[in-house]
Amino acid sequence: PKKGGERVKFDLRFQEWDDVRFRSIAVHAAPDTLACEFENGVVLVNPSLNSETLDLTTIFPDRSGYTHLKAEEPVGMENINDKYLPQVEQALSINNGKDVNNPNKLEVLERNAVFLTANRVTATGQPVTTTTAPPPPPATTTTAPPPPP
């Protein structure tokens, strides 16, 4: 594994786009999962390309009684394009209305989210979103020269 601060080269390709500029970019060597707490439950988001197992007892120590939301099969499911059916079926299997039996090890699949009800808590101030990964190392900034006219 490379240590921080070394240069990495990568290519980005955009079809049918004019100039693309980035104001900033960050790369993290940790999962990108997020956990949001609400009065009646929690939402866990995993935009990464790998499944992540989360410990709800650590993330939300005062919560319990987790249950998946129950999704109904969409009206007109027979008209859904075949290429989208795996995602619809996956959403239905995740949002099945069942209790979470092991909140110490809840898997959140890649590029997915889990919506759970839980024991009710009272909101006390501003909303808080928690990253479930350790904080990244301090960032360094590199400024590229402007593109030629």
C-alpha atoms as a PDB file:
ATOM      1  CA  PRO A   1       0.000   0.000   0.000  1.00  0.00           C
ATOM      2  CA  LYS A   2       1.159   3.483  -0.800  1.00  0.00           C
ATOM      3  CA  LYS A   3       1.580   6.085   1.918  1.00  0.00           C
ATOM      4  CA  GLY A   4      -0.293   9.383   1.839  1.00  0.00           C
ATOM      5  CA  GLY A   5       1.114  12.218  -0.177  1.00  0.00           C
ATOM      6  CA  GLU A   6       2.289  10.178  -3.164  1.00  0.00           C
ATOM      7  CA  ARG A   7       1.070  11.132  -6.613  1.00  0.00           C
ATOM      8  CA  VAL A   8      -1.623   9.084  -8.314  1.00  0.00           C
ATOM      9  CA  LYS A   9      -2.607   9.393 -11.959  1.00  0.00           C
ATOM     10  CA  PHE A  10      -6.141   8.720 -13.138  1.00  0.00           C
ATOM     11  CA  ASP A  11      -8.266   9.524 -16.177  1.00  0.00           C
ATOM     12  CA  LEU A  12     -11.810  10.837 -16.307  1.00  0.00           C
ATOM     13  CA  ARG A  13     -13.777  10.530 -19.516  1.00  0.00           C
ATOM     14  CA  PHE A  14     -17.005  12.354 -20.287  1.00  0.00           C
ATOM     15  CA  GLN A  15     -19.073  11.715 -23.364  1.00  0.00           C
ATOM     16  CA  GLU A  16     -20.804  14.606 -25.076  1.00  0.00           C
ATOM     17  CA  TRP A  17     -19.675  17.206 -22.513  1.00  0.00           C
ATOM     18  CA  ASP A  18     -17.939  20.490 -23.043  1.00  0.00           C
ATOM     19  CA  ASP A  19     -15.139  21.534 -20.702  1.00  0.00           C
ATOM     20  CA  VAL A  20     -15.324  20.026 -17.225  1.00  0.00           C
ATOM     21  CA  ARG A  21     -13.600  21.711 -14.281  1.00  0.00           C
ATOM     22  CA  PHE A  22     -13.299  20.616 -10.693  1.00  0.00           C
ATOM     23  CA  ARG A  23     -13.154  23.130  -7.891  1.00  0.00           C
ATOM     24  CA  SER A  24     -11.914  20.467  -5.502  1.00  0.00           C
ATOM     25  CA  ILE A  25     -11.668  16.715  -5.266  1.00  0.00           C
ATOM     26  CA  ALA A  26     -11.072  14.424  -2.310  1.00  0.00           C
ATOM     27  CA  VAL A  27     -10.126  10.761  -2.142  1.00  0.00           C
ATOM     28  CA  HIS A  28     -10.602   8.798   1.067  1.00  0.00           C
ATOM     29  CA  ALA A  29      -9.246   5.387   1.968  1.00  0.00           C
ATOM     30  CA  ALA A  30     -12.294   4.557   4.077  1.00  0.00           C
ATOM     31  CA  PRO A  31     -15.921   3.552   3.507  1.00  0.00           C
ATOM     32  CA  ASP A  32     -18.242   6.382   2.607  1.00  0.00           C
ATOM     33  CA  THR A  33     -21.205   5.219   4.703  1.00  0.00           C
ATOM     34  CA  LEU A  34     -23.506   7.665   6.477  1.00  0.00           C
ATOM     35  CA  ALA A  35     -25.949   7.195   9.318  1.00  0.00           C
ATOM     36  CA  CYS A  36     -28.829   9.612   9.934  1.00  0.00           C
ATOM     37  CA  GLU A  37     -30.991   9.498  13.033  1.00  0.00           C
ATOM     38  CA  PHE A  38     -34.636  10.572  13.096  1.00  0.00           C
ATOM     39  CA  GLU A  39     -37.241  10.565  15.871  1.00  0.00           C
ATOM     40  CA  ASN A  40     -38.859   7.331  14.642  1.00  0.00           C
ATOM     41  CA  GLY A  41     -35.908   5.548  13.106  1.00  0.00           C
ATOM     42  CA  VAL A  42     -32.607   5.696  11.256  1.00  0.00           C
ATOM     43  CA  VAL A  43     -31.293   5.676   7.699  1.00  0.00           C
ATOM     44  CA  LEU A  44     -27.989   4.066   6.728  1.00  0.00           C
ATOM     45  CA  VAL A  45     -26.482   4.986   3.358  1.00  0.00           C
ATOM     46  CA  ASN A  46     -23.661   3.210   1.560  1.00  0.00           C
ATOM     47  CA  PRO A  47     -22.721   4.880  -1.747  1.00  0.00           C
ATOM     48  CA  SER A  48     -19.501   2.847  -2.009  1.00  0.00           C
ATOM     49  CA  LEU A  49     -18.906  -0.054  -4.381  1.00  0.00           C
ATOM     50  CA  ASN A  50     -18.556  -2.555  -1.506  1.00  0.00           C
ATOM     51  CA  SER A  51     -21.054  -3.836   1.021  1.00  0.00           C
ATOM     52  CA  GLU A  52     -20.446  -2.602   4.573  1.00  0.00           C
ATOM     53  CA  THR A  53     -21.429  -4.166   7.894  1.00  0.00           C
ATOM     54  CA  LEU A  54     -22.429  -1.611  10.516  1.00  0.00           C
ATOM     55  CA  ASP A  55     -22.861  -1.899  14.282  1.00  0.00           C
ATOM     56  CA  LEU A  56     -26.051  -0.022  15.181  1.00  0.00           C
ATOM     57  CA  THR A  57     -25.392  -0.463  18.903  1.00  0.00           C
ATOM     58  CA  THR A  58     -22.238   1.642  18.524  1.00  0.00           C
ATOM     59  CA  ILE A  59     -23.625   4.207  16.082  1.00  0.00           C
ATOM     60  CA  PHE A  60     -26.919   4.700  17.967  1.00  0.00           C
ATOM     61  CA  PRO A  61     -26.289   3.530  21.556  1.00  0.00           C
ATOM     62  CA  ASP A  62     -29.690   4.762  22.833  1.00  0.00           C
ATOM     63  CA  ARG A  63     -31.771   3.090  20.107  1.00  0.00           C
ATOM     64  CA  SER A  64     -33.318  -0.367  19.887  1.00  0.00           C
ATOM     65  CA  GLY A  65     -36.190  -2.277  18.307  1.00  0.00           C
ATOM     66  CA  TYR A  66     -35.040  -1.895  14.711  1.00  0.00           C
ATOM     67  CA  THR A  67     -37.446  -2.966  11.961  1.00  0.00           C
ATOM     68  CA  HIS A  68     -37.064  -2.632   8.194  1.00  0.00           C
ATOM     69  CA  LEU A  69     -39.689  -0.527   6.449  1.00  0.00           C
ATOM     70  CA  LYS A  70     -42.136  -2.569   4.386  1.00  0.00           C
ATOM     71  CA  ALA A  71     -42.128  -1.770   0.674  1.00  0.00           C
ATOM     72  CA  GLU A  72     -45.005  -2.875  -1.517  1.00  0.00           C
ATOM     73  CA  GLU A  73     -44.523  -4.116  -5.045  1.00  0.00           C
ATOM     74  CA  PRO A  74     -44.969  -1.105  -7.309  1.00  0.00           C
ATOM     75  CA  VAL A  75     -48.118  -0.784  -9.387  1.00  0.00           C
ATOM     76  CA  GLY A  76     -47.243  -1.726 -12.953  1.00  0.00           C
ATOM     77  CA  MET A  77     -44.254  -3.841 -11.986  1.00  0.00           C
ATOM     78  CA  GLU A  78     -44.896  -5.979 -15.069  1.00  0.00           C
ATOM     79  CA  ASN A  79     -44.086  -2.896 -17.173  1.00  0.00           C
ATOM     80  CA  ILE A  80     -40.691  -2.235 -15.562  1.00  0.00           C
ATOM     81  CA  ASN A  81     -37.800  -2.666 -17.967  1.00  0.00           C
ATOM     82  CA  ASP A  82     -35.976  -5.966 -17.351  1.00  0.00           C
ATOM     83  CA  LYS A  83     -32.679  -4.177 -16.746  1.00  0.00           C
ATOM     84  CA  TYR A  84     -34.199  -2.431 -13.682  1.00  0.00           C
ATOM     85  CA  LEU A  85     -35.922  -5.479 -12.172  1.00  0.00           C
ATOM     86  CA  PRO A  86     -32.891  -6.627 -10.123  1.00  0.00           C
ATOM     87  CA  GLN A  87     -32.788  -3.241  -8.340  1.00  0.00           C
ATOM     88  CA  VAL A  88     -36.539  -3.290  -7.681  1.00  0.00           C
ATOM     89  CA  GLU A  89     -36.385  -6.845  -6.366  1.00  0.00           C
ATOM     90  CA  GLN A  90     -33.403  -5.961  -4.183  1.00  0.00           C
ATOM     91  CA  ALA A  91     -35.264  -2.963  -2.743  1.00  0.00           C
ATOM     92  CA  LEU A  92     -38.266  -5.166  -1.975  1.00  0.00           C
ATOM     93  CA  SER A  93     -36.073  -7.787  -0.275  1.00  0.00           C
ATOM     94  CA  ILE A  94     -34.327  -5.156   1.893  1.00  0.00           C
ATOM     95  CA  ASN A  95     -37.507  -3.264   2.761  1.00  0.00           C
ATOM     96  CA  ASN A  96     -39.342  -6.381   3.918  1.00  0.00           C
ATOM     97  CA  GLY A  97     -40.903  -5.219   7.214  1.00  0.00           C
ATOM     98  CA  LYS A  98     -38.861  -7.731   9.244  1.00  0.00           C
ATOM     99  CA  ASP A  99     -37.132  -7.068  12.554  1.00  0.00           C
ATOM    100  CA  VAL A 100     -33.363  -6.621  12.612  1.00  0.00           C
ATOM    101  CA  ASN A 101     -32.233  -9.672  14.578  1.00  0.00           C
ATOM    102  CA  ASN A 102     -28.601  -8.651  15.017  1.00  0.00           C
ATOM    103  CA  PRO A 103     -28.116  -4.862  15.242  1.00  0.00           C
ATOM    104  CA  ASN A 104     -24.391  -5.472  15.900  1.00  0.00           C
ATOM    105  CA  LYS A 105     -23.923  -6.634  12.300  1.00  0.00           C
ATOM    106  CA  LEU A 106     -26.272  -5.010   9.807  1.00  0.00           C
ATOM    107  CA  GLU A 107     -25.129  -5.320   6.205  1.00  0.00           C
ATOM    108  CA  VAL A 108     -25.751  -2.375   3.889  1.00  0.00           C
ATOM    109  CA  LEU A 109     -25.208  -3.468   0.308  1.00  0.00           C
ATOM    110  CA  GLU A 110     -23.094  -1.469  -2.124  1.00  0.00           C
ATOM    111  CA  ARG A 111     -24.746   1.659  -3.549  1.00  0.00           C
ATOM    112  CA  ASN A 112     -27.737   1.195  -1.288  1.00  0.00           C
ATOM    113  CA  ALA A 113     -29.579   2.508   1.754  1.00  0.00           C
ATOM    114  CA  VAL A 114     -31.466   0.876   4.609  1.00  0.00           C
ATOM    115  CA  PHE A 115     -34.459   2.565   6.250  1.00  0.00           C
ATOM    116  CA  LEU A 116     -35.300   1.302   9.734  1.00  0.00           C
ATOM    117  CA  THR A 117     -37.884   2.216  12.315  1.00  0.00           C
ATOM    118  CA  ALA A 118     -36.667   2.123  15.922  1.00  0.00           C
ATOM    119  CA  ASN A 119     -37.754   3.113  19.410  1.00  0.00           C
ATOM    120  CA  ARG A 120     -38.925   6.730  19.398  1.00  0.00           C
ATOM    121  CA  VAL A 121     -36.577   9.458  20.611  1.00  0.00           C
ATOM    122  CA  THR A 122     -37.257  13.156  20.983  1.00  0.00           C
ATOM    123  CA  ALA A 123     -35.337  15.514  18.747  1.00  0.00           C
ATOM    124  CA  THR A 124     -33.102  17.807  20.766  1.00  0.00           C
ATOM    125  CA  GLY A 125     -31.735  20.513  18.497  1.00  0.00           C
ATOM    126  CA  GLN A 126     -30.163  20.499  15.076  1.00  0.00           C
ATOM    127  CA  PRO A 127     -30.150  17.383  12.876  1.00  0.00           C
ATOM    128  CA  VAL A 128     -26.923  15.410  12.972  1.00  0.00           C
ATOM    129  CA  THR A 129     -25.501  13.163  10.265  1.00  0.00           C
ATOM    130  CA  THR A 130     -22.717  10.829  11.289  1.00  0.00           C
ATOM    131  CA  THR A 131     -20.114   9.263   9.052  1.00  0.00           C
ATOM    132  CA  THR A 132     -19.462   5.718  10.106  1.00  0.00           C
ATOM    133  CA  ALA A 133     -15.861   5.693   8.897  1.00  0.00           C
ATOM    134  CA  PRO A 134     -12.834   7.004  10.772  1.00  0.00           C
ATOM    135  CA  PRO A 135     -11.912  10.580   9.881  1.00  0.00           C
ATOM    136  CA  PRO A 136      -9.672  10.893   6.837  1.00  0.00           C
ATOM    137  CA  PRO A 137      -6.104  12.169   7.189  1.00  0.00           C
ATOM    138  CA  PRO A 138      -5.605  15.912   6.704  1.00  0.00           C
ATOM    139  CA  ALA A 139      -6.098  16.894   3.075  1.00  0.00           C
ATOM    140  CA  THR A 140      -3.534  18.550   0.887  1.00  0.00           C
ATOM    141  CA  THR A 141      -4.595  20.900  -1.875  1.00  0.00           C
ATOM    142  CA  THR A 142      -3.077  21.136  -5.314  1.00  0.00           C
ATOM    143  CA  THR A 143      -4.135  23.914  -7.656  1.00  0.00           C
ATOM    144  CA  ALA A 144      -3.909  23.202 -11.354  1.00  0.00           C
ATOM    145  CA  PRO A 145      -3.070  26.022 -13.738  1.00  0.00           C
ATOM    146  CA  PRO A 146      -6.029  27.414 -15.672  1.00  0.00           C
ATOM    147  CA  PRO A 147      -6.679  25.838 -19.074  1.00  0.00           C
ATOM    148  CA  PRO A 148      -5.215  27.634 -22.094  1.00  0.00           C
ATOM    149  CA  PRO A 149      -7.577  30.124 -23.780  1.00  0.00           C
END
